Amino acid sequence: MAADPKKPSTLKEADETPLFPPAKPGKRVDYGTNNTLELLERIPSQVVDLKLDDVLTAVKEVDNLCDYPRCKTKTSLMGQDCQHCKKRFCFKHGLPEVHGCGEEIKRDERKKFLHPKPAKTIRQEEDVKNAKKRLDAKLKDMQVGRMQKATGGGSGGSKKKKGK
């Protein structure tokens, strides 16, 4: 019975304490990382439930920062997405050689150059991709048709009888 009164007090304490250290005037809050997953892993789920607005604000700010360690440049308007590691960087760190993907990209490009795909294979892949697009469009049309029949089935049948 004594444990139950303690839980609300710890939740109240967790609710009253700031989630992140306060920022100095004129500076941004330091979340300790530019990686959203690292940020969320550090915060207990109970605290996330209590301070969801603060957590969402932090995640939004971290997502708009360059993913290079210790770089705090905003990338919301101007930034580059790395095609290899799928991270977003400012223009200063956008080159693969600068942020650490240089060797992997060099290896991939060398592989493409030494072992190119034949034109026939490329055409076949494009044909398959186009066929998948057509199939998806046809399936979507059929689903829309089914939804229309299900919602207006009675009225649609009576209109056809009147037309005949």
N, C-alpha and C. Protein backbone atom coordinates (compact mmCIF):
# COMPACT_ATOMS: atom_id res chain seq x y z
N MET A 1 0.82 -1.19 0.00
CA MET A 1 0.00 0.00 0.00
C MET A 1 0.87 1.26 0.00
N ALA A 2 2.05 1.20 0.61
CA ALA A 2 2.92 2.37 0.69
C ALA A 2 3.54 2.69 -0.67
N ALA A 3 3.64 1.69 -1.57
CA ALA A 3 4.25 1.91 -2.88
C ALA A 3 3.35 2.74 -3.79
N ASP A 4 2.03 2.60 -3.65
CA ASP A 4 1.10 3.32 -4.53
C ASP A 4 1.20 4.84 -4.36
N PRO A 5 1.26 5.39 -3.13
CA PRO A 5 1.39 6.84 -3.01
C PRO A 5 2.71 7.36 -3.56
N LYS A 6 3.76 6.54 -3.60
CA LYS A 6 5.05 7.00 -4.11
C LYS A 6 5.03 7.20 -5.62
N LYS A 7 4.31 6.35 -6.36
CA LYS A 7 4.31 6.46 -7.82
C LYS A 7 3.81 7.81 -8.31
N PRO A 8 2.67 8.30 -7.82
CA PRO A 8 2.25 9.62 -8.29
C PRO A 8 3.26 10.71 -7.96
N SER A 9 3.95 10.61 -6.83
CA SER A 9 4.92 11.64 -6.49
C SER A 9 6.11 11.61 -7.46
N THR A 10 6.54 10.41 -7.89
CA THR A 10 7.63 10.34 -8.85
C THR A 10 7.16 10.84 -10.22
N LEU A 11 5.91 10.56 -10.56
CA LEU A 11 5.40 11.07 -11.83
C LEU A 11 5.27 12.58 -11.78
N LYS A 12 4.88 13.12 -10.62
CA LYS A 12 4.80 14.57 -10.50
C LYS A 12 6.19 15.18 -10.59
N GLU A 13 7.15 14.53 -9.94
CA GLU A 13 8.53 15.02 -10.01
C GLU A 13 9.04 14.97 -11.44
N ALA A 14 8.73 13.89 -12.16
CA ALA A 14 9.16 13.77 -13.55
C ALA A 14 8.47 14.82 -14.41
N ASP A 15 7.23 15.17 -14.05
CA ASP A 15 6.49 16.15 -14.82
C ASP A 15 7.03 17.56 -14.58
N GLU A 16 7.56 17.81 -13.38
CA GLU A 16 8.04 19.15 -13.04
C GLU A 16 9.47 19.39 -13.50
N THR A 17 10.31 18.37 -13.58
CA THR A 17 11.69 18.56 -13.98
C THR A 17 11.76 18.75 -15.49
N PRO A 18 12.68 19.60 -15.96
CA PRO A 18 12.80 19.79 -17.42
C PRO A 18 13.37 18.54 -18.09
N LEU A 19 12.88 18.28 -19.28
CA LEU A 19 13.30 17.09 -20.02
C LEU A 19 14.74 17.22 -20.52
N PHE A 20 15.10 18.42 -20.97
CA PHE A 20 16.45 18.70 -21.46
C PHE A 20 16.99 19.90 -20.70
N PRO A 21 18.32 20.02 -20.61
CA PRO A 21 18.87 21.18 -19.90
C PRO A 21 18.46 22.47 -20.60
N PRO A 22 18.12 23.50 -19.84
CA PRO A 22 17.67 24.75 -20.47
C PRO A 22 18.79 25.38 -21.30
N ALA A 23 18.38 26.05 -22.38
CA ALA A 23 19.35 26.68 -23.27
C ALA A 23 19.77 28.03 -22.72
N LYS A 24 20.99 28.44 -23.06
CA LYS A 24 21.46 29.76 -22.69
C LYS A 24 20.75 30.77 -23.58
N PRO A 25 20.57 32.00 -23.11
CA PRO A 25 19.88 33.00 -23.93
C PRO A 25 20.57 33.19 -25.28
N GLY A 26 19.79 33.15 -26.34
CA GLY A 26 20.32 33.33 -27.70
C GLY A 26 20.87 32.07 -28.32
N LYS A 27 20.85 30.94 -27.62
CA LYS A 27 21.38 29.68 -28.16
C LYS A 27 20.28 28.63 -28.18
N ARG A 28 20.49 27.60 -29.01
CA ARG A 28 19.53 26.49 -29.09
C ARG A 28 19.78 25.50 -27.96
N VAL A 29 18.75 24.71 -27.67
CA VAL A 29 18.87 23.67 -26.65
C VAL A 29 19.80 22.58 -27.17
N ASP A 30 20.70 22.10 -26.30
CA ASP A 30 21.61 21.02 -26.68
C ASP A 30 20.98 19.69 -26.28
N TYR A 31 20.59 18.90 -27.28
CA TYR A 31 19.94 17.62 -27.01
C TYR A 31 20.97 16.49 -26.87
N GLY A 32 22.24 16.78 -27.12
CA GLY A 32 23.28 15.79 -26.94
C GLY A 32 23.51 14.89 -28.13
N THR A 33 22.67 14.99 -29.15
CA THR A 33 22.83 14.14 -30.33
C THR A 33 22.09 14.76 -31.51
N ASN A 34 22.48 14.37 -32.70
CA ASN A 34 21.76 14.77 -33.91
C ASN A 34 20.91 13.62 -34.43
N ASN A 35 20.96 12.48 -33.77
CA ASN A 35 20.25 11.29 -34.20
C ASN A 35 18.94 11.16 -33.41
N THR A 36 17.83 11.12 -34.13
CA THR A 36 16.52 11.05 -33.49
C THR A 36 16.36 9.78 -32.66
N LEU A 37 16.82 8.65 -33.19
CA LEU A 37 16.67 7.38 -32.46
C LEU A 37 17.46 7.39 -31.16
N GLU A 38 18.67 7.93 -31.19
CA GLU A 38 19.46 8.02 -29.97
C GLU A 38 18.76 8.90 -28.94
N LEU A 39 18.17 9.98 -29.41
CA LEU A 39 17.46 10.90 -28.52
C LEU A 39 16.29 10.20 -27.85
N LEU A 40 15.52 9.45 -28.62
CA LEU A 40 14.34 8.78 -28.08
C LEU A 40 14.69 7.60 -27.18
N GLU A 41 15.81 6.93 -27.47
CA GLU A 41 16.21 5.79 -26.64
C GLU A 41 16.59 6.22 -25.23
N ARG A 42 17.10 7.44 -25.09
CA ARG A 42 17.53 7.92 -23.77
C ARG A 42 16.36 8.29 -22.86
N ILE A 43 15.21 8.58 -23.45
CA ILE A 43 14.08 9.07 -22.66
C ILE A 43 13.18 7.89 -22.29
N PRO A 44 12.90 7.67 -21.01
CA PRO A 44 12.00 6.58 -20.62
C PRO A 44 10.59 6.81 -21.17
N SER A 45 9.89 5.73 -21.47
CA SER A 45 8.57 5.84 -22.10
C SER A 45 7.56 6.55 -21.20
N GLN A 46 7.68 6.41 -19.88
CA GLN A 46 6.76 7.11 -18.97
C GLN A 46 6.92 8.62 -19.09
N VAL A 47 8.16 9.06 -19.24
CA VAL A 47 8.42 10.49 -19.38
C VAL A 47 7.91 10.98 -20.72
N VAL A 48 8.04 10.17 -21.75
CA VAL A 48 7.53 10.53 -23.07
C VAL A 48 6.02 10.73 -23.00
N ASP A 49 5.33 9.85 -22.29
CA ASP A 49 3.88 9.98 -22.15
C ASP A 49 3.51 11.28 -21.44
N LEU A 50 4.29 11.65 -20.42
CA LEU A 50 3.97 12.85 -19.65
C LEU A 50 4.32 14.13 -20.41
N LYS A 51 5.42 14.12 -21.12
CA LYS A 51 5.92 15.34 -21.78
C LYS A 51 6.00 15.16 -23.28
N LEU A 52 4.92 14.73 -23.88
CA LEU A 52 4.91 14.45 -25.31
C LEU A 52 5.20 15.69 -26.14
N ASP A 53 4.69 16.84 -25.76
CA ASP A 53 4.93 18.06 -26.52
C ASP A 53 6.41 18.41 -26.56
N ASP A 54 7.09 18.30 -25.41
CA ASP A 54 8.53 18.60 -25.36
C ASP A 54 9.32 17.62 -26.21
N VAL A 55 8.94 16.35 -26.16
CA VAL A 55 9.64 15.32 -26.94
C VAL A 55 9.44 15.57 -28.43
N LEU A 56 8.21 15.89 -28.83
CA LEU A 56 7.95 16.15 -30.25
C LEU A 56 8.70 17.38 -30.75
N THR A 57 8.78 18.40 -29.93
CA THR A 57 9.55 19.59 -30.29
C THR A 57 11.02 19.24 -30.47
N ALA A 58 11.55 18.44 -29.56
CA ALA A 58 12.96 18.04 -29.63
C ALA A 58 13.22 17.21 -30.89
N VAL A 59 12.33 16.27 -31.19
CA VAL A 59 12.51 15.42 -32.38
C VAL A 59 12.45 16.27 -33.64
N LYS A 60 11.53 17.23 -33.68
CA LYS A 60 11.42 18.10 -34.86
C LYS A 60 12.70 18.90 -35.05
N GLU A 61 13.26 19.44 -33.97
CA GLU A 61 14.50 20.21 -34.07
C GLU A 61 15.66 19.33 -34.47
N VAL A 62 15.75 18.14 -33.91
CA VAL A 62 16.86 17.24 -34.23
C VAL A 62 16.77 16.78 -35.69
N ASP A 63 15.56 16.57 -36.18
CA ASP A 63 15.40 16.16 -37.58
C ASP A 63 15.82 17.26 -38.55
N ASN A 64 15.78 18.50 -38.13
CA ASN A 64 16.14 19.60 -39.01
C ASN A 64 17.61 19.98 -38.91
N LEU A 65 18.40 19.22 -38.15
CA LEU A 65 19.82 19.51 -38.01
C LEU A 65 20.64 18.57 -38.88
N CYS A 66 21.82 19.03 -39.26
CA CYS A 66 22.76 18.21 -40.03
C CYS A 66 23.11 16.96 -39.21
N ASP A 67 23.19 15.81 -39.88
CA ASP A 67 23.46 14.54 -39.18
C ASP A 67 24.94 14.31 -38.89
N TYR A 68 25.80 15.23 -39.30
CA TYR A 68 27.21 15.09 -38.99
C TYR A 68 27.41 15.37 -37.50
N PRO A 69 28.21 14.56 -36.80
CA PRO A 69 28.38 14.76 -35.36
C PRO A 69 28.89 16.17 -35.04
N ARG A 70 28.31 16.77 -34.04
CA ARG A 70 28.66 18.10 -33.51
C ARG A 70 28.35 19.24 -34.46
N CYS A 71 27.67 19.00 -35.58
CA CYS A 71 27.27 20.08 -36.48
C CYS A 71 25.83 20.45 -36.14
N LYS A 72 25.58 21.72 -35.94
CA LYS A 72 24.25 22.18 -35.53
C LYS A 72 23.57 23.00 -36.63
N THR A 73 24.03 22.87 -37.87
CA THR A 73 23.46 23.64 -38.97
C THR A 73 22.08 23.10 -39.32
N LYS A 74 21.13 24.02 -39.52
CA LYS A 74 19.78 23.60 -39.89
C LYS A 74 19.75 23.18 -41.35
N THR A 75 19.00 22.11 -41.63
CA THR A 75 18.90 21.60 -43.00
C THR A 75 17.46 21.59 -43.49
N SER A 76 16.57 22.31 -42.81
CA SER A 76 15.16 22.26 -43.19
C SER A 76 14.93 22.84 -44.58
N LEU A 77 15.60 23.93 -44.93
CA LEU A 77 15.42 24.52 -46.25
C LEU A 77 16.48 24.06 -47.24
N MET A 78 17.73 24.11 -46.81
CA MET A 78 18.83 23.78 -47.71
C MET A 78 19.65 22.66 -47.09
N GLY A 79 19.62 21.52 -47.70
CA GLY A 79 20.39 20.39 -47.22
C GLY A 79 20.49 19.34 -48.31
N GLN A 80 21.33 18.35 -48.10
CA GLN A 80 21.52 17.28 -49.07
C GLN A 80 21.26 15.94 -48.39
N ASP A 81 20.53 15.08 -49.09
CA ASP A 81 20.31 13.73 -48.62
C ASP A 81 21.35 12.82 -49.26
N CYS A 82 22.04 12.04 -48.43
CA CYS A 82 23.02 11.09 -48.96
C CYS A 82 22.27 9.88 -49.50
N GLN A 83 22.52 9.53 -50.73
CA GLN A 83 21.83 8.39 -51.34
C GLN A 83 22.32 7.07 -50.77
N HIS A 84 23.50 7.09 -50.18
CA HIS A 84 24.07 5.84 -49.68
C HIS A 84 23.64 5.53 -48.24
N CYS A 85 23.79 6.50 -47.33
CA CYS A 85 23.46 6.24 -45.93
C CYS A 85 22.09 6.77 -45.54
N LYS A 86 21.41 7.48 -46.46
CA LYS A 86 20.04 7.99 -46.26
C LYS A 86 19.95 9.01 -45.13
N LYS A 87 21.02 9.74 -44.86
CA LYS A 87 20.99 10.79 -43.84
C LYS A 87 21.00 12.14 -44.52
N ARG A 88 20.63 13.19 -43.76
CA ARG A 88 20.55 14.55 -44.31
C ARG A 88 21.67 15.39 -43.71
N PHE A 89 22.40 16.07 -44.61
CA PHE A 89 23.55 16.87 -44.19
C PHE A 89 23.45 18.29 -44.73
N CYS A 90 24.16 19.22 -44.07
CA CYS A 90 24.28 20.57 -44.59
C CYS A 90 25.23 20.53 -45.79
N PHE A 91 25.37 21.65 -46.50
CA PHE A 91 26.22 21.66 -47.69
C PHE A 91 27.68 21.44 -47.35
N LYS A 92 28.09 21.83 -46.17
CA LYS A 92 29.48 21.66 -45.76
C LYS A 92 29.84 20.17 -45.63
N HIS A 93 28.89 19.36 -45.14
CA HIS A 93 29.15 17.94 -44.91
C HIS A 93 28.43 17.04 -45.91
N GLY A 94 27.88 17.59 -46.98
CA GLY A 94 27.08 16.83 -47.92
C GLY A 94 27.86 15.85 -48.78
N LEU A 95 29.12 16.14 -49.05
CA LEU A 95 29.91 15.23 -49.87
C LEU A 95 30.15 13.91 -49.13
N PRO A 96 30.04 12.80 -49.83
CA PRO A 96 30.24 11.49 -49.18
C PRO A 96 31.61 11.34 -48.53
N GLU A 97 32.62 11.94 -49.15
CA GLU A 97 33.97 11.83 -48.60
C GLU A 97 34.09 12.58 -47.28
N VAL A 98 33.31 13.62 -47.11
CA VAL A 98 33.39 14.43 -45.89
C VAL A 98 32.68 13.74 -44.72
N HIS A 99 31.49 13.18 -44.96
CA HIS A 99 30.74 12.61 -43.83
C HIS A 99 30.97 11.12 -43.62
N GLY A 100 31.78 10.49 -44.46
CA GLY A 100 32.19 9.12 -44.15
C GLY A 100 31.70 8.04 -45.09
N CYS A 101 31.00 8.37 -46.16
CA CYS A 101 30.53 7.36 -47.11
C CYS A 101 31.43 7.23 -48.33
N GLY A 102 32.56 7.93 -48.33
CA GLY A 102 33.42 7.98 -49.50
C GLY A 102 33.90 6.62 -49.98
N GLU A 103 34.41 5.79 -49.09
CA GLU A 103 34.94 4.49 -49.48
C GLU A 103 33.85 3.56 -50.01
N GLU A 104 32.70 3.59 -49.38
CA GLU A 104 31.59 2.73 -49.82
C GLU A 104 31.09 3.15 -51.19
N ILE A 105 30.96 4.44 -51.43
CA ILE A 105 30.50 4.93 -52.73
C ILE A 105 31.55 4.63 -53.80
N LYS A 106 32.82 4.79 -53.45
CA LYS A 106 33.89 4.49 -54.41
C LYS A 106 33.83 3.02 -54.80
N ARG A 107 33.59 2.14 -53.82
CA ARG A 107 33.49 0.71 -54.08
C ARG A 107 32.30 0.40 -54.99
N ASP A 108 31.15 1.04 -54.72
CA ASP A 108 29.96 0.81 -55.54
C ASP A 108 30.16 1.31 -56.98
N GLU A 109 30.76 2.48 -57.12
CA GLU A 109 30.98 3.03 -58.47
C GLU A 109 31.98 2.17 -59.25
N ARG A 110 33.00 1.68 -58.56
CA ARG A 110 33.98 0.82 -59.22
C ARG A 110 33.30 -0.47 -59.69
N LYS A 111 32.42 -1.01 -58.87
CA LYS A 111 31.68 -2.23 -59.23
C LYS A 111 30.79 -1.97 -60.45
N LYS A 112 30.10 -0.81 -60.46
CA LYS A 112 29.25 -0.48 -61.61
C LYS A 112 30.08 -0.33 -62.89
N PHE A 113 31.27 0.26 -62.75
CA PHE A 113 32.11 0.47 -63.93
C PHE A 113 32.69 -0.83 -64.45
N LEU A 114 33.16 -1.68 -63.55
CA LEU A 114 33.80 -2.94 -63.98
C LEU A 114 32.80 -4.00 -64.41
N HIS A 115 31.59 -3.97 -63.86
CA HIS A 115 30.56 -4.96 -64.19
C HIS A 115 29.26 -4.26 -64.56
N PRO A 116 29.24 -3.61 -65.73
CA PRO A 116 28.01 -2.90 -66.09
C PRO A 116 26.89 -3.86 -66.46
N LYS A 117 25.66 -3.40 -66.27
CA LYS A 117 24.51 -4.22 -66.67
C LYS A 117 24.33 -4.10 -68.18
N PRO A 118 23.99 -5.20 -68.84
CA PRO A 118 23.71 -5.12 -70.27
C PRO A 118 22.45 -4.28 -70.53
N ALA A 119 22.37 -3.69 -71.71
CA ALA A 119 21.22 -2.85 -72.06
C ALA A 119 19.93 -3.66 -72.02
N LYS A 120 20.02 -4.94 -72.42
CA LYS A 120 18.83 -5.80 -72.43
C LYS A 120 18.28 -5.96 -71.01
N THR A 121 19.15 -6.15 -70.03
CA THR A 121 18.73 -6.30 -68.65
C THR A 121 18.08 -5.01 -68.14
N ILE A 122 18.68 -3.88 -68.51
CA ILE A 122 18.12 -2.59 -68.09
C ILE A 122 16.73 -2.41 -68.68
N ARG A 123 16.56 -2.76 -69.97
CA ARG A 123 15.25 -2.65 -70.61
C ARG A 123 14.23 -3.56 -69.93
N GLN A 124 14.66 -4.79 -69.61
CA GLN A 124 13.75 -5.73 -68.95
C GLN A 124 13.32 -5.21 -67.58
N GLU A 125 14.25 -4.63 -66.83
CA GLU A 125 13.91 -4.08 -65.52
C GLU A 125 12.93 -2.92 -65.67
N GLU A 126 13.12 -2.08 -66.68
CA GLU A 126 12.19 -0.97 -66.92
C GLU A 126 10.81 -1.50 -67.31
N ASP A 127 10.78 -2.56 -68.14
CA ASP A 127 9.50 -3.15 -68.54
C ASP A 127 8.76 -3.72 -67.33
N VAL A 128 9.49 -4.40 -66.45
CA VAL A 128 8.88 -4.96 -65.25
C VAL A 128 8.34 -3.84 -64.35
N LYS A 129 9.12 -2.76 -64.23
CA LYS A 129 8.70 -1.63 -63.41
C LYS A 129 7.43 -0.99 -63.98
N ASN A 130 7.38 -0.83 -65.30
CA ASN A 130 6.19 -0.25 -65.95
C ASN A 130 4.99 -1.19 -65.81
N ALA A 131 5.21 -2.50 -65.93
CA ALA A 131 4.12 -3.46 -65.78
C ALA A 131 3.56 -3.42 -64.36
N LYS A 132 4.44 -3.27 -63.37
CA LYS A 132 3.99 -3.17 -61.98
C LYS A 132 3.15 -1.90 -61.78
N LYS A 133 3.57 -0.79 -62.41
CA LYS A 133 2.80 0.45 -62.30
C LYS A 133 1.41 0.26 -62.91
N ARG A 134 1.35 -0.36 -64.09
CA ARG A 134 0.05 -0.58 -64.74
C ARG A 134 -0.83 -1.49 -63.89
N LEU A 135 -0.24 -2.54 -63.32
CA LEU A 135 -0.99 -3.47 -62.48
C LEU A 135 -1.54 -2.75 -61.24
N ASP A 136 -0.69 -1.94 -60.60
CA ASP A 136 -1.14 -1.20 -59.42
C ASP A 136 -2.28 -0.25 -59.77
N ALA A 137 -2.17 0.43 -60.92
CA ALA A 137 -3.23 1.35 -61.34
C ALA A 137 -4.53 0.59 -61.61
N LYS A 138 -4.42 -0.57 -62.26
CA LYS A 138 -5.61 -1.36 -62.57
C LYS A 138 -6.27 -1.88 -61.28
N LEU A 139 -5.46 -2.36 -60.36
CA LEU A 139 -5.99 -2.84 -59.08
C LEU A 139 -6.67 -1.72 -58.30
N LYS A 140 -6.07 -0.52 -58.35
CA LYS A 140 -6.67 0.61 -57.66
C LYS A 140 -8.02 0.97 -58.30
N ASP A 141 -8.08 0.96 -59.64
CA ASP A 141 -9.35 1.24 -60.33
C ASP A 141 -10.41 0.20 -59.98
N MET A 142 -10.01 -1.06 -59.94
CA MET A 142 -10.96 -2.12 -59.60
C MET A 142 -11.46 -1.95 -58.16
N GLN A 143 -10.57 -1.57 -57.25
CA GLN A 143 -10.96 -1.37 -55.86
C GLN A 143 -11.92 -0.19 -55.74
N VAL A 144 -11.65 0.89 -56.48
CA VAL A 144 -12.55 2.05 -56.46
C VAL A 144 -13.91 1.65 -57.00
N GLY A 145 -13.92 0.85 -58.07
CA GLY A 145 -15.18 0.36 -58.64
C GLY A 145 -15.97 -0.46 -57.64
N ARG A 146 -15.27 -1.31 -56.91
CA ARG A 146 -15.94 -2.13 -55.89
C ARG A 146 -16.51 -1.27 -54.78
N MET A 147 -15.76 -0.25 -54.38
CA MET A 147 -16.22 0.64 -53.31
C MET A 147 -17.46 1.41 -53.77
N GLN A 148 -17.49 1.82 -55.02
CA GLN A 148 -18.65 2.55 -55.54
C GLN A 148 -19.87 1.64 -55.60
N LYS A 149 -19.67 0.38 -56.02
CA LYS A 149 -20.78 -0.58 -56.07
C LYS A 149 -21.31 -0.85 -54.67
N ALA A 150 -20.40 -0.94 -53.69
CA ALA A 150 -20.81 -1.26 -52.32
C ALA A 150 -21.59 -0.10 -51.70
N THR A 151 -21.20 1.12 -51.98
CA THR A 151 -21.89 2.26 -51.37
C THR A 151 -23.18 2.62 -52.10
N GLY A 152 -23.21 2.49 -53.40
CA GLY A 152 -24.41 2.87 -54.15
C GLY A 152 -24.97 1.73 -54.96
N GLY A 153 -24.93 0.52 -54.46
CA GLY A 153 -25.35 -0.67 -55.21
C GLY A 153 -26.82 -0.65 -55.57
N GLY A 154 -27.71 -0.29 -54.63
CA GLY A 154 -29.16 -0.31 -54.88
C GLY A 154 -29.57 0.74 -55.89
N SER A 155 -29.03 1.95 -55.77
CA SER A 155 -29.43 3.02 -56.68
C SER A 155 -28.83 2.82 -58.06
N GLY A 156 -27.62 2.26 -58.13
CA GLY A 156 -26.97 2.04 -59.42
C GLY A 156 -27.74 1.02 -60.24
N GLY A 157 -28.27 -0.03 -59.62
CA GLY A 157 -28.99 -1.08 -60.34
C GLY A 157 -30.31 -0.55 -60.86
N SER A 158 -30.98 0.30 -60.12
CA SER A 158 -32.26 0.82 -60.55
C SER A 158 -32.11 1.78 -61.73
N LYS A 159 -30.99 2.49 -61.79
CA LYS A 159 -30.76 3.39 -62.91
C LYS A 159 -30.58 2.61 -64.20
N LYS A 160 -29.90 1.47 -64.11
CA LYS A 160 -29.69 0.66 -65.31
C LYS A 160 -31.02 0.12 -65.83
N LYS A 161 -31.92 -0.28 -64.94
CA LYS A 161 -33.20 -0.81 -65.36
C LYS A 161 -34.04 0.26 -66.05
N LYS A 162 -33.94 1.50 -65.55
CA LYS A 162 -34.71 2.59 -66.16
C LYS A 162 -34.18 2.91 -67.55
N GLY A 163 -32.87 2.79 -67.73
CA GLY A 163 -32.26 3.09 -69.03
C GLY A 163 -32.65 2.08 -70.07
N LYS A 164 -32.96 0.84 -69.71
CA LYS A 164 -33.28 -0.21 -70.68
C LYS A 164 -34.67 -0.07 -71.08
